[in-house]
Amino acid sequence: MNKPAPPTTPSIPTLPVLNSSQLLQGQRAVVIEHNGERYTLRETRQ
């Protein structure tokens, strides 16, 4: 007897991983520009 094939799951894309030190480059904050808007990414004391 043939077993039914297990359901296939859609492949999940692998997202790139950036270490926060790559973004901050030794600073406590950086400005990120996205679609003409500016955002500040900062690290807290904690």
ModelCIF file with pLDDT and N, C-alpha, C, O atoms, coordinates in Angstrom:
data_MODEL
#
_entry.id   MODEL 
#
_entity.id                         1 
_entity.type                       polymer 
_entity.pdbx_number_of_molecules   1 
#
_entity_poly.entity_id                      1 
_entity_poly.type                           'polypeptide(L)' 
_entity_poly.nstd_linkage                   no 
_entity_poly.nstd_monomer                   no 
_entity_poly.pdbx_seq_one_letter_code       MNKPAPPTTPSIPTLPVLNSSQLLQGQRAVVIEHNGERYTLRETRQ 
_entity_poly.pdbx_seq_one_letter_code_can   MNKPAPPTTPSIPTLPVLNSSQLLQGQRAVVIEHNGERYTLRETRQ 
_entity_poly.pdbx_strand_id                 A 
#
loop_
_entity_poly_seq.entity_id 
_entity_poly_seq.num 
_entity_poly_seq.mon_id 
_entity_poly_seq.hetero 
1 1  MET n 
1 2  ASN n 
1 3  LYS n 
1 4  PRO n 
1 5  ALA n 
1 6  PRO n 
1 7  PRO n 
1 8  THR n 
1 9  THR n 
1 10 PRO n 
1 11 SER n 
1 12 ILE n 
1 13 PRO n 
1 14 THR n 
1 15 LEU n 
1 16 PRO n 
1 17 VAL n 
1 18 LEU n 
1 19 ASN n 
1 20 SER n 
1 21 SER n 
1 22 GLN n 
1 23 LEU n 
1 24 LEU n 
1 25 GLN n 
1 26 GLY n 
1 27 GLN n 
1 28 ARG n 
1 29 ALA n 
1 30 VAL n 
1 31 VAL n 
1 32 ILE n 
1 33 GLU n 
1 34 HIS n 
1 35 ASN n 
1 36 GLY n 
1 37 GLU n 
1 38 ARG n 
1 39 TYR n 
1 40 THR n 
1 41 LEU n 
1 42 ARG n 
1 43 GLU n 
1 44 THR n 
1 45 ARG n 
1 46 GLN n 
#
_struct_asym.id          A 
_struct_asym.entity_id   1 
#
loop_
_ma_qa_metric.id 
_ma_qa_metric.mode 
_ma_qa_metric.name 
_ma_qa_metric.software_group_id 
_ma_qa_metric.type 
1 global pLDDT . pLDDT 
2 local  pLDDT . pLDDT 
#
_ma_qa_metric_global.metric_id      1 
_ma_qa_metric_global.metric_value   89.76 
_ma_qa_metric_global.model_id       1 
_ma_qa_metric_global.ordinal_id     1 
#
loop_
_ma_qa_metric_local.label_asym_id 
_ma_qa_metric_local.label_comp_id 
_ma_qa_metric_local.label_seq_id 
_ma_qa_metric_local.metric_id 
_ma_qa_metric_local.metric_value 
_ma_qa_metric_local.model_id 
_ma_qa_metric_local.ordinal_id 
A MET 1  2 62.00 1 1  
A ASN 2  2 73.00 1 2  
A LYS 3  2 74.00 1 3  
A PRO 4  2 73.00 1 4  
A ALA 5  2 72.00 1 5  
A PRO 6  2 72.00 1 6  
A PRO 7  2 73.00 1 7  
A THR 8  2 74.00 1 8  
A THR 9  2 71.00 1 9  
A PRO 10 2 76.00 1 10 
A SER 11 2 80.00 1 11 
A ILE 12 2 81.00 1 12 
A PRO 13 2 85.00 1 13 
A THR 14 2 92.00 1 14 
A LEU 15 2 92.00 1 15 
A PRO 16 2 93.00 1 16 
A VAL 17 2 93.00 1 17 
A LEU 18 2 93.00 1 18 
A ASN 19 2 95.00 1 19 
A SER 20 2 95.00 1 20 
A SER 21 2 94.00 1 21 
A GLN 22 2 94.00 1 22 
A LEU 23 2 93.00 1 23 
A LEU 24 2 96.00 1 24 
A GLN 25 2 95.00 1 25 
A GLY 26 2 95.00 1 26 
A GLN 27 2 97.00 1 27 
A ARG 28 2 97.00 1 28 
A ALA 29 2 98.00 1 29 
A VAL 30 2 97.00 1 30 
A VAL 31 2 97.00 1 31 
A ILE 32 2 96.00 1 32 
A GLU 33 2 97.00 1 33 
A HIS 34 2 97.00 1 34 
A ASN 35 2 97.00 1 35 
A GLY 36 2 97.00 1 36 
A GLU 37 2 98.00 1 37 
A ARG 38 2 98.00 1 38 
A TYR 39 2 98.00 1 39 
A THR 40 2 98.00 1 40 
A LEU 41 2 97.00 1 41 
A ARG 42 2 98.00 1 42 
A GLU 43 2 97.00 1 43 
A THR 44 2 97.00 1 44 
A ARG 45 2 95.00 1 45 
A GLN 46 2 97.00 1 46 
#
loop_
_atom_site.group_PDB 
_atom_site.id 
_atom_site.type_symbol 
_atom_site.label_atom_id 
_atom_site.label_alt_id 
_atom_site.label_comp_id 
_atom_site.label_asym_id 
_atom_site.label_entity_id 
_atom_site.label_seq_id 
_atom_site.pdbx_PDB_ins_code 
_atom_site.Cartn_x 
_atom_site.Cartn_y 
_atom_site.Cartn_z 
_atom_site.occupancy 
_atom_site.B_iso_or_equiv 
_atom_site.pdbx_formal_charge 
_atom_site.auth_seq_id 
_atom_site.auth_comp_id 
_atom_site.auth_asym_id 
_atom_site.auth_atom_id 
_atom_site.pdbx_PDB_model_num 
ATOM 1   N N  . MET A 1 1  ? 0.830  -1.177 0.000  1.00 62.00 ? 1  MET A N  1 
ATOM 2   C CA . MET A 1 1  ? 0.000  0.000  0.000  1.00 62.00 ? 1  MET A CA 1 
ATOM 3   C C  . MET A 1 1  ? 0.881  1.248  0.000  1.00 62.00 ? 1  MET A C  1 
ATOM 4   O O  . MET A 1 1  ? 1.871  1.313  0.728  1.00 62.00 ? 1  MET A O  1 
ATOM 5   N N  . ASN A 1 2  ? 0.522  2.229  -0.809 1.00 73.00 ? 2  ASN A N  1 
ATOM 6   C CA . ASN A 1 2  ? 1.295  3.476  -0.887 1.00 73.00 ? 2  ASN A CA 1 
ATOM 7   C C  . ASN A 1 2  ? 0.879  4.426  0.222  1.00 73.00 ? 2  ASN A C  1 
ATOM 8   O O  . ASN A 1 2  ? -0.309 4.633  0.470  1.00 73.00 ? 2  ASN A O  1 
ATOM 9   N N  . LYS A 1 3  ? 1.871  4.997  0.883  1.00 74.00 ? 3  LYS A N  1 
ATOM 10  C CA . LYS A 1 3  ? 1.592  6.013  1.908  1.00 74.00 ? 3  LYS A CA 1 
ATOM 11  C C  . LYS A 1 3  ? 1.445  7.356  1.214  1.00 74.00 ? 3  LYS A C  1 
ATOM 12  O O  . LYS A 1 3  ? 2.145  7.630  0.239  1.00 74.00 ? 3  LYS A O  1 
ATOM 13  N N  . PRO A 1 4  ? 0.545  8.194  1.704  1.00 73.00 ? 4  PRO A N  1 
ATOM 14  C CA . PRO A 1 4  ? 0.449  9.535  1.101  1.00 73.00 ? 4  PRO A CA 1 
ATOM 15  C C  . PRO A 1 4  ? 1.717  10.335 1.408  1.00 73.00 ? 4  PRO A C  1 
ATOM 16  O O  . PRO A 1 4  ? 2.320  10.197 2.472  1.00 73.00 ? 4  PRO A O  1 
ATOM 17  N N  . ALA A 1 5  ? 2.089  11.150 0.471  1.00 72.00 ? 5  ALA A N  1 
ATOM 18  C CA . ALA A 1 5  ? 3.286  11.978 0.655  1.00 72.00 ? 5  ALA A CA 1 
ATOM 19  C C  . ALA A 1 5  ? 3.033  12.978 1.773  1.00 72.00 ? 5  ALA A C  1 
ATOM 20  O O  . ALA A 1 5  ? 1.934  13.520 1.890  1.00 72.00 ? 5  ALA A O  1 
ATOM 21  N N  . PRO A 1 6  ? 4.052  13.225 2.600  1.00 72.00 ? 6  PRO A N  1 
ATOM 22  C CA . PRO A 1 6  ? 3.869  14.228 3.659  1.00 72.00 ? 6  PRO A CA 1 
ATOM 23  C C  . PRO A 1 6  ? 3.656  15.604 3.037  1.00 72.00 ? 6  PRO A C  1 
ATOM 24  O O  . PRO A 1 6  ? 4.181  15.888 1.959  1.00 72.00 ? 6  PRO A O  1 
ATOM 25  N N  . PRO A 1 7  ? 2.896  16.452 3.706  1.00 73.00 ? 7  PRO A N  1 
ATOM 26  C CA . PRO A 1 7  ? 2.670  17.792 3.145  1.00 73.00 ? 7  PRO A CA 1 
ATOM 27  C C  . PRO A 1 7  ? 3.989  18.549 3.034  1.00 73.00 ? 7  PRO A C  1 
ATOM 28  O O  . PRO A 1 7  ? 4.857  18.448 3.901  1.00 73.00 ? 7  PRO A O  1 
ATOM 29  N N  . THR A 1 8  ? 4.117  19.293 1.973  1.00 74.00 ? 8  THR A N  1 
ATOM 30  C CA . THR A 1 8  ? 5.339  20.083 1.795  1.00 74.00 ? 8  THR A CA 1 
ATOM 31  C C  . THR A 1 8  ? 5.153  21.436 2.443  1.00 74.00 ? 8  THR A C  1 
ATOM 32  O O  . THR A 1 8  ? 4.068  22.018 2.416  1.00 74.00 ? 8  THR A O  1 
ATOM 33  N N  . THR A 1 9  ? 6.206  21.913 3.012  1.00 71.00 ? 9  THR A N  1 
ATOM 34  C CA . THR A 1 9  ? 6.169  23.247 3.610  1.00 71.00 ? 9  THR A CA 1 
ATOM 35  C C  . THR A 1 9  ? 6.905  24.186 2.677  1.00 71.00 ? 9  THR A C  1 
ATOM 36  O O  . THR A 1 9  ? 7.937  23.818 2.116  1.00 71.00 ? 9  THR A O  1 
ATOM 37  N N  . PRO A 1 10 ? 6.389  25.397 2.502  1.00 76.00 ? 10 PRO A N  1 
ATOM 38  C CA . PRO A 1 10 ? 7.095  26.335 1.636  1.00 76.00 ? 10 PRO A CA 1 
ATOM 39  C C  . PRO A 1 10 ? 8.464  26.663 2.231  1.00 76.00 ? 10 PRO A C  1 
ATOM 40  O O  . PRO A 1 10 ? 8.623  26.766 3.448  1.00 76.00 ? 10 PRO A O  1 
ATOM 41  N N  . SER A 1 11 ? 9.425  26.821 1.365  1.00 80.00 ? 11 SER A N  1 
ATOM 42  C CA . SER A 1 11 ? 10.761 27.124 1.879  1.00 80.00 ? 11 SER A CA 1 
ATOM 43  C C  . SER A 1 11 ? 10.766 28.522 2.496  1.00 80.00 ? 11 SER A C  1 
ATOM 44  O O  . SER A 1 11 ? 10.185 29.463 1.955  1.00 80.00 ? 11 SER A O  1 
ATOM 45  N N  . ILE A 1 12 ? 11.420 28.627 3.615  1.00 81.00 ? 12 ILE A N  1 
ATOM 46  C CA . ILE A 1 12 ? 11.519 29.900 4.324  1.00 81.00 ? 12 ILE A CA 1 
ATOM 47  C C  . ILE A 1 12 ? 12.826 30.551 3.916  1.00 81.00 ? 12 ILE A C  1 
ATOM 48  O O  . ILE A 1 12 ? 13.896 29.970 4.098  1.00 81.00 ? 12 ILE A O  1 
ATOM 49  N N  . PRO A 1 13 ? 12.746 31.767 3.361  1.00 85.00 ? 13 PRO A N  1 
ATOM 50  C CA . PRO A 1 13 ? 13.993 32.403 2.931  1.00 85.00 ? 13 PRO A CA 1 
ATOM 51  C C  . PRO A 1 13 ? 14.886 32.712 4.127  1.00 85.00 ? 13 PRO A C  1 
ATOM 52  O O  . PRO A 1 13 ? 14.409 33.091 5.197  1.00 85.00 ? 13 PRO A O  1 
ATOM 53  N N  . THR A 1 14 ? 16.163 32.546 3.929  1.00 92.00 ? 14 THR A N  1 
ATOM 54  C CA . THR A 1 14 ? 17.128 32.862 4.970  1.00 92.00 ? 14 THR A CA 1 
ATOM 55  C C  . THR A 1 14 ? 17.404 34.366 4.928  1.00 92.00 ? 14 THR A C  1 
ATOM 56  O O  . THR A 1 14 ? 17.778 34.909 3.889  1.00 92.00 ? 14 THR A O  1 
ATOM 57  N N  . LEU A 1 15 ? 17.218 35.015 6.045  1.00 92.00 ? 15 LEU A N  1 
ATOM 58  C CA . LEU A 1 15 ? 17.467 36.453 6.121  1.00 92.00 ? 15 LEU A CA 1 
ATOM 59  C C  . LEU A 1 15 ? 18.924 36.703 6.461  1.00 92.00 ? 15 LEU A C  1 
ATOM 60  O O  . LEU A 1 15 ? 19.526 35.941 7.219  1.00 92.00 ? 15 LEU A O  1 
ATOM 61  N N  . PRO A 1 16 ? 19.497 37.763 5.909  1.00 93.00 ? 16 PRO A N  1 
ATOM 62  C CA . PRO A 1 16 ? 20.874 38.081 6.271  1.00 93.00 ? 16 PRO A CA 1 
ATOM 63  C C  . PRO A 1 16 ? 20.944 38.488 7.744  1.00 93.00 ? 16 PRO A C  1 
ATOM 64  O O  . PRO A 1 16 ? 20.015 39.099 8.272  1.00 93.00 ? 16 PRO A O  1 
ATOM 65  N N  . VAL A 1 17 ? 22.030 38.151 8.387  1.00 93.00 ? 17 VAL A N  1 
ATOM 66  C CA . VAL A 1 17 ? 22.233 38.495 9.796  1.00 93.00 ? 17 VAL A CA 1 
ATOM 67  C C  . VAL A 1 17 ? 23.395 39.478 9.880  1.00 93.00 ? 17 VAL A C  1 
ATOM 68  O O  . VAL A 1 17 ? 24.491 39.208 9.390  1.00 93.00 ? 17 VAL A O  1 
ATOM 69  N N  . LEU A 1 18 ? 23.138 40.622 10.508 1.00 93.00 ? 18 LEU A N  1 
ATOM 70  C CA . LEU A 1 18 ? 24.178 41.616 10.750 1.00 93.00 ? 18 LEU A CA 1 
ATOM 71  C C  . LEU A 1 18 ? 24.366 41.738 12.247 1.00 93.00 ? 18 LEU A C  1 
ATOM 72  O O  . LEU A 1 18 ? 23.392 41.867 12.989 1.00 93.00 ? 18 LEU A O  1 
ATOM 73  N N  . ASN A 1 19 ? 25.587 41.698 12.691 1.00 95.00 ? 19 ASN A N  1 
ATOM 74  C CA . ASN A 1 19 ? 25.882 41.915 14.093 1.00 95.00 ? 19 ASN A CA 1 
ATOM 75  C C  . ASN A 1 19 ? 25.719 43.409 14.375 1.00 95.00 ? 19 ASN A C  1 
ATOM 76  O O  . ASN A 1 19 ? 26.089 44.236 13.541 1.00 95.00 ? 19 ASN A O  1 
ATOM 77  N N  . SER A 1 20 ? 25.180 43.760 15.519 1.00 95.00 ? 20 SER A N  1 
ATOM 78  C CA . SER A 1 20 ? 24.968 45.176 15.838 1.00 95.00 ? 20 SER A CA 1 
ATOM 79  C C  . SER A 1 20 ? 26.268 45.969 15.775 1.00 95.00 ? 20 SER A C  1 
ATOM 80  O O  . SER A 1 20 ? 26.248 47.159 15.461 1.00 95.00 ? 20 SER A O  1 
ATOM 81  N N  . SER A 1 21 ? 27.402 45.325 16.070 1.00 94.00 ? 21 SER A N  1 
ATOM 82  C CA . SER A 1 21 ? 28.680 46.034 16.004 1.00 94.00 ? 21 SER A CA 1 
ATOM 83  C C  . SER A 1 21 ? 29.013 46.427 14.565 1.00 94.00 ? 21 SER A C  1 
ATOM 84  O O  . SER A 1 21 ? 29.728 47.404 14.340 1.00 94.00 ? 21 SER A O  1 
ATOM 85  N N  . GLN A 1 22 ? 28.494 45.664 13.580 1.00 94.00 ? 22 GLN A N  1 
ATOM 86  C CA . GLN A 1 22 ? 28.695 46.038 12.175 1.00 94.00 ? 22 GLN A CA 1 
ATOM 87  C C  . GLN A 1 22 ? 27.933 47.325 11.856 1.00 94.00 ? 22 GLN A C  1 
ATOM 88  O O  . GLN A 1 22 ? 28.407 48.153 11.078 1.00 94.00 ? 22 GLN A O  1 
ATOM 89  N N  . LEU A 1 23 ? 26.771 47.488 12.446 1.00 93.00 ? 23 LEU A N  1 
ATOM 90  C CA . LEU A 1 23 ? 25.975 48.687 12.198 1.00 93.00 ? 23 LEU A CA 1 
ATOM 91  C C  . LEU A 1 23 ? 26.492 49.883 12.986 1.00 93.00 ? 23 LEU A C  1 
ATOM 92  O O  . LEU A 1 23 ? 26.611 50.985 12.450 1.00 93.00 ? 23 LEU A O  1 
ATOM 93  N N  . LEU A 1 24 ? 26.795 49.663 14.248 1.00 96.00 ? 24 LEU A N  1 
ATOM 94  C CA . LEU A 1 24 ? 27.186 50.776 15.117 1.00 96.00 ? 24 LEU A CA 1 
ATOM 95  C C  . LEU A 1 24 ? 28.645 51.191 14.939 1.00 96.00 ? 24 LEU A C  1 
ATOM 96  O O  . LEU A 1 24 ? 28.985 52.347 15.191 1.00 96.00 ? 24 LEU A O  1 
ATOM 97  N N  . GLN A 1 25 ? 29.497 50.292 14.520 1.00 95.00 ? 25 GLN A N  1 
ATOM 98  C CA . GLN A 1 25 ? 30.916 50.579 14.268 1.00 95.00 ? 25 GLN A CA 1 
ATOM 99  C C  . GLN A 1 25 ? 31.572 51.340 15.418 1.00 95.00 ? 25 GLN A C  1 
ATOM 100 O O  . GLN A 1 25 ? 32.269 52.331 15.203 1.00 95.00 ? 25 GLN A O  1 
ATOM 101 N N  . GLY A 1 26 ? 31.340 50.865 16.636 1.00 95.00 ? 26 GLY A N  1 
ATOM 102 C CA . GLY A 1 26 ? 31.975 51.471 17.804 1.00 95.00 ? 26 GLY A CA 1 
ATOM 103 C C  . GLY A 1 26 ? 31.266 52.699 18.352 1.00 95.00 ? 26 GLY A C  1 
ATOM 104 O O  . GLY A 1 26 ? 31.693 53.253 19.365 1.00 95.00 ? 26 GLY A O  1 
ATOM 105 N N  . GLN A 1 27 ? 30.201 53.132 17.708 1.00 97.00 ? 27 GLN A N  1 
ATOM 106 C CA . GLN A 1 27 ? 29.440 54.298 18.163 1.00 97.00 ? 27 GLN A CA 1 
ATOM 107 C C  . GLN A 1 27 ? 28.260 53.826 19.012 1.00 97.00 ? 27 GLN A C  1 
ATOM 108 O O  . GLN A 1 27 ? 27.912 52.645 18.995 1.00 97.00 ? 27 GLN A O  1 
ATOM 109 N N  . ARG A 1 28 ? 27.650 54.743 19.751 1.00 97.00 ? 28 ARG A N  1 
ATOM 110 C CA . ARG A 1 28 ? 26.459 54.417 20.540 1.00 97.00 ? 28 ARG A CA 1 
ATOM 111 C C  . ARG A 1 28 ? 25.183 54.581 19.707 1.00 97.00 ? 28 ARG A C  1 
ATOM 112 O O  . ARG A 1 28 ? 24.125 54.072 20.077 1.00 97.00 ? 28 ARG A O  1 
ATOM 113 N N  . ALA A 1 29 ? 25.290 55.300 18.573 1.00 98.00 ? 29 ALA A N  1 
ATOM 114 C CA . ALA A 1 29 ? 24.109 55.541 17.740 1.00 98.00 ? 29 ALA A CA 1 
ATOM 115 C C  . ALA A 1 29 ? 24.525 55.754 16.294 1.00 98.00 ? 29 ALA A C  1 
ATOM 116 O O  . ALA A 1 29 ? 25.628 56.220 16.009 1.00 98.00 ? 29 ALA A O  1 
ATOM 117 N N  . VAL A 1 30 ? 23.621 55.403 15.387 1.00 97.00 ? 30 VAL A N  1 
ATOM 118 C CA . VAL A 1 30 ? 23.817 55.660 13.963 1.00 97.00 ? 30 VAL A CA 1 
ATOM 119 C C  . VAL A 1 30 ? 22.487 56.126 13.378 1.00 97.00 ? 30 VAL A C  1 
ATOM 120 O O  . VAL A 1 30 ? 21.417 55.834 13.913 1.00 97.00 ? 30 VAL A O  1 
ATOM 121 N N  . VAL A 1 31 ? 22.579 56.859 12.268 1.00 97.00 ? 31 VAL A N  1 
ATOM 122 C CA . VAL A 1 31 ? 21.390 57.287 11.548 1.00 97.00 ? 31 VAL A CA 1 
ATOM 123 C C  . VAL A 1 31 ? 21.227 56.366 10.350 1.00 97.00 ? 31 VAL A C  1 
ATOM 124 O O  . VAL A 1 31 ? 22.171 56.120 9.600  1.00 97.00 ? 31 VAL A O  1 
ATOM 125 N N  . ILE A 1 32 ? 19.999 55.856 10.186 1.00 96.00 ? 32 ILE A N  1 
ATOM 126 C CA . ILE A 1 32 ? 19.671 54.991 9.060  1.00 96.00 ? 32 ILE A CA 1 
ATOM 127 C C  . ILE A 1 32 ? 18.664 55.737 8.199  1.00 96.00 ? 32 ILE A C  1 
ATOM 128 O O  . ILE A 1 32 ? 17.623 56.178 8.685  1.00 96.00 ? 32 ILE A O  1 
ATOM 129 N N  . GLU A 1 33 ? 18.981 55.875 6.921  1.00 97.00 ? 33 GLU A N  1 
ATOM 130 C CA . GLU A 1 33 ? 18.062 56.529 6.010  1.00 97.00 ? 33 GLU A CA 1 
ATOM 131 C C  . GLU A 1 33 ? 17.294 55.455 5.253  1.00 97.00 ? 33 GLU A C  1 
ATOM 132 O O  . GLU A 1 33 ? 17.883 54.529 4.694  1.00 97.00 ? 33 GLU A O  1 
ATOM 133 N N  . HIS A 1 34 ? 15.962 55.591 5.241  1.00 97.00 ? 34 HIS A N  1 
ATOM 134 C CA . HIS A 1 34 ? 15.091 54.620 4.583  1.00 97.00 ? 34 HIS A CA 1 
ATOM 135 C C  . HIS A 1 34 ? 13.940 55.352 3.909  1.00 97.00 ? 34 HIS A C  1 
ATOM 136 O O  . HIS A 1 34 ? 13.159 56.041 4.566  1.00 97.00 ? 34 HIS A O  1 
ATOM 137 N N  . ASN A 1 35 ? 13.843 55.197 2.594  1.00 97.00 ? 35 ASN A N  1 
ATOM 138 C CA . ASN A 1 35 ? 12.774 55.851 1.817  1.00 97.00 ? 35 ASN A CA 1 
ATOM 139 C C  . ASN A 1 35 ? 12.690 57.352 2.095  1.00 97.00 ? 35 ASN A C  1 
ATOM 140 O O  . ASN A 1 35 ? 11.600 57.905 2.241  1.00 97.00 ? 35 ASN A O  1 
ATOM 141 N N  . GLY A 1 36 ? 13.840 57.996 2.166  1.00 97.00 ? 36 GLY A N  1 
ATOM 142 C CA . GLY A 1 36 ? 13.873 59.440 2.376  1.00 97.00 ? 36 GLY A CA 1 
ATOM 143 C C  . GLY A 1 36 ? 13.649 59.879 3.808  1.00 97.00 ? 36 GLY A C  1 
ATOM 144 O O  . GLY A 1 36 ? 13.675 61.078 4.084  1.00 97.00 ? 36 GLY A O  1 
ATOM 145 N N  . GLU A 1 37 ? 13.432 58.958 4.725  1.00 98.00 ? 37 GLU A N  1 
ATOM 146 C CA . GLU A 1 37 ? 13.230 59.274 6.141  1.00 98.00 ? 37 GLU A CA 1 
ATOM 147 C C  . GLU A 1 37 ? 14.470 58.873 6.915  1.00 98.00 ? 37 GLU A C  1 
ATOM 148 O O  . GLU A 1 37 ? 15.162 57.925 6.544  1.00 98.00 ? 37 GLU A O  1 
ATOM 149 N N  . ARG A 1 38 ? 14.750 59.593 7.991  1.00 98.00 ? 38 ARG A N  1 
ATOM 150 C CA . ARG A 1 38 ? 15.905 59.276 8.833  1.00 98.00 ? 38 ARG A CA 1 
ATOM 151 C C  . ARG A 1 38 ? 15.452 58.690 10.159 1.00 98.00 ? 38 ARG A C  1 
ATOM 152 O O  . ARG A 1 38 ? 14.529 59.189 10.802 1.00 98.00 ? 38 ARG A O  1 
ATOM 153 N N  . TYR A 1 39 ? 16.126 57.619 10.546 1.00 98.00 ? 39 TYR A N  1 
ATOM 154 C CA . TYR A 1 39 ? 15.857 56.934 11.792 1.00 98.00 ? 39 TYR A CA 1 
ATOM 155 C C  . TYR A 1 39 ? 17.153 56.856 12.579 1.00 98.00 ? 39 TYR A C  1 
ATOM 156 O O  . TYR A 1 39 ? 18.234 56.784 11.994 1.00 98.00 ? 39 TYR A O  1 
ATOM 157 N N  . THR A 1 40 ? 17.052 56.871 13.899 1.00 98.00 ? 40 THR A N  1 
ATOM 158 C CA . THR A 1 40 ? 18.221 56.727 14.746 1.00 98.00 ? 40 THR A CA 1 
ATOM 159 C C  . THR A 1 40 ? 18.163 55.375 15.442 1.00 98.00 ? 40 THR A C  1 
ATOM 160 O O  . THR A 1 40 ? 17.179 55.039 16.100 1.00 98.00 ? 40 THR A O  1 
ATOM 161 N N  . LEU A 1 41 ? 19.230 54.611 15.284 1.00 97.00 ? 41 LEU A N  1 
ATOM 162 C CA . LEU A 1 41 ? 19.384 53.346 15.988 1.00 97.00 ? 41 LEU A CA 1 
ATOM 163 C C  . LEU A 1 41 ? 20.401 53.595 17.082 1.00 97.00 ? 41 LEU A C  1 
ATOM 164 O O  . LEU A 1 41 ? 21.544 53.955 16.801 1.00 97.00 ? 41 LEU A O  1 
ATOM 165 N N  . ARG A 1 42 ? 19.991 53.406 18.338 1.00 98.00 ? 42 ARG A N  1 
ATOM 166 C CA . ARG A 1 42 ? 20.932 53.654 19.422 1.00 98.00 ? 42 ARG A CA 1 
ATOM 167 C C  . ARG A 1 42 ? 20.938 52.506 20.413 1.00 98.00 ? 42 ARG A C  1 
ATOM 168 O O  . ARG A 1 42 ? 19.956 51.782 20.578 1.00 98.00 ? 42 ARG A O  1 
ATOM 169 N N  . GLU A 1 43 ? 22.085 52.369 21.066 1.00 97.00 ? 43 GLU A N  1 
ATOM 170 C CA . GLU A 1 43 ? 22.260 51.348 22.096 1.00 97.00 ? 43 GLU A CA 1 
ATOM 171 C C  . GLU A 1 43 ? 22.095 52.012 23.454 1.00 97.00 ? 43 GLU A C  1 
ATOM 172 O O  . GLU A 1 43 ? 22.692 53.056 23.718 1.00 97.00 ? 43 GLU A O  1 
ATOM 173 N N  . THR A 1 44 ? 21.284 51.405 24.317 1.00 97.00 ? 44 THR A N  1 
ATOM 174 C CA . THR A 1 44 ? 21.069 51.953 25.655 1.00 97.00 ? 44 THR A CA 1 
ATOM 175 C C  . THR A 1 44 ? 22.201 51.528 26.584 1.00 97.00 ? 44 THR A C  1 
ATOM 176 O O  . THR A 1 44 ? 23.039 50.703 26.218 1.00 97.00 ? 44 THR A O  1 
ATOM 177 N N  . ARG A 1 45 ? 22.218 52.092 27.776 1.00 95.00 ? 45 ARG A N  1 
ATOM 178 C CA . ARG A 1 45 ? 23.225 51.696 28.766 1.00 95.00 ? 45 ARG A CA 1 
ATOM 179 C C  . ARG A 1 45 ? 23.076 50.240 29.171 1.00 95.00 ? 45 ARG A C  1 
ATOM 180 O O  . ARG A 1 45 ? 24.036 49.610 29.614 1.00 95.00 ? 45 ARG A O  1 
ATOM 181 N N  . GLN A 1 46 ? 21.864 49.704 29.019 1.00 97.00 ? 46 GLN A N  1 
ATOM 182 C CA . GLN A 1 46 ? 21.626 48.298 29.360 1.00 97.00 ? 46 GLN A CA 1 
ATOM 183 C C  . GLN A 1 46 ? 21.955 47.370 28.189 1.00 97.00 ? 46 GLN A C  1 
ATOM 184 O O  . GLN A 1 46 ? 21.811 46.153 28.307 1.00 97.00 ? 46 GLN A O  1 
#
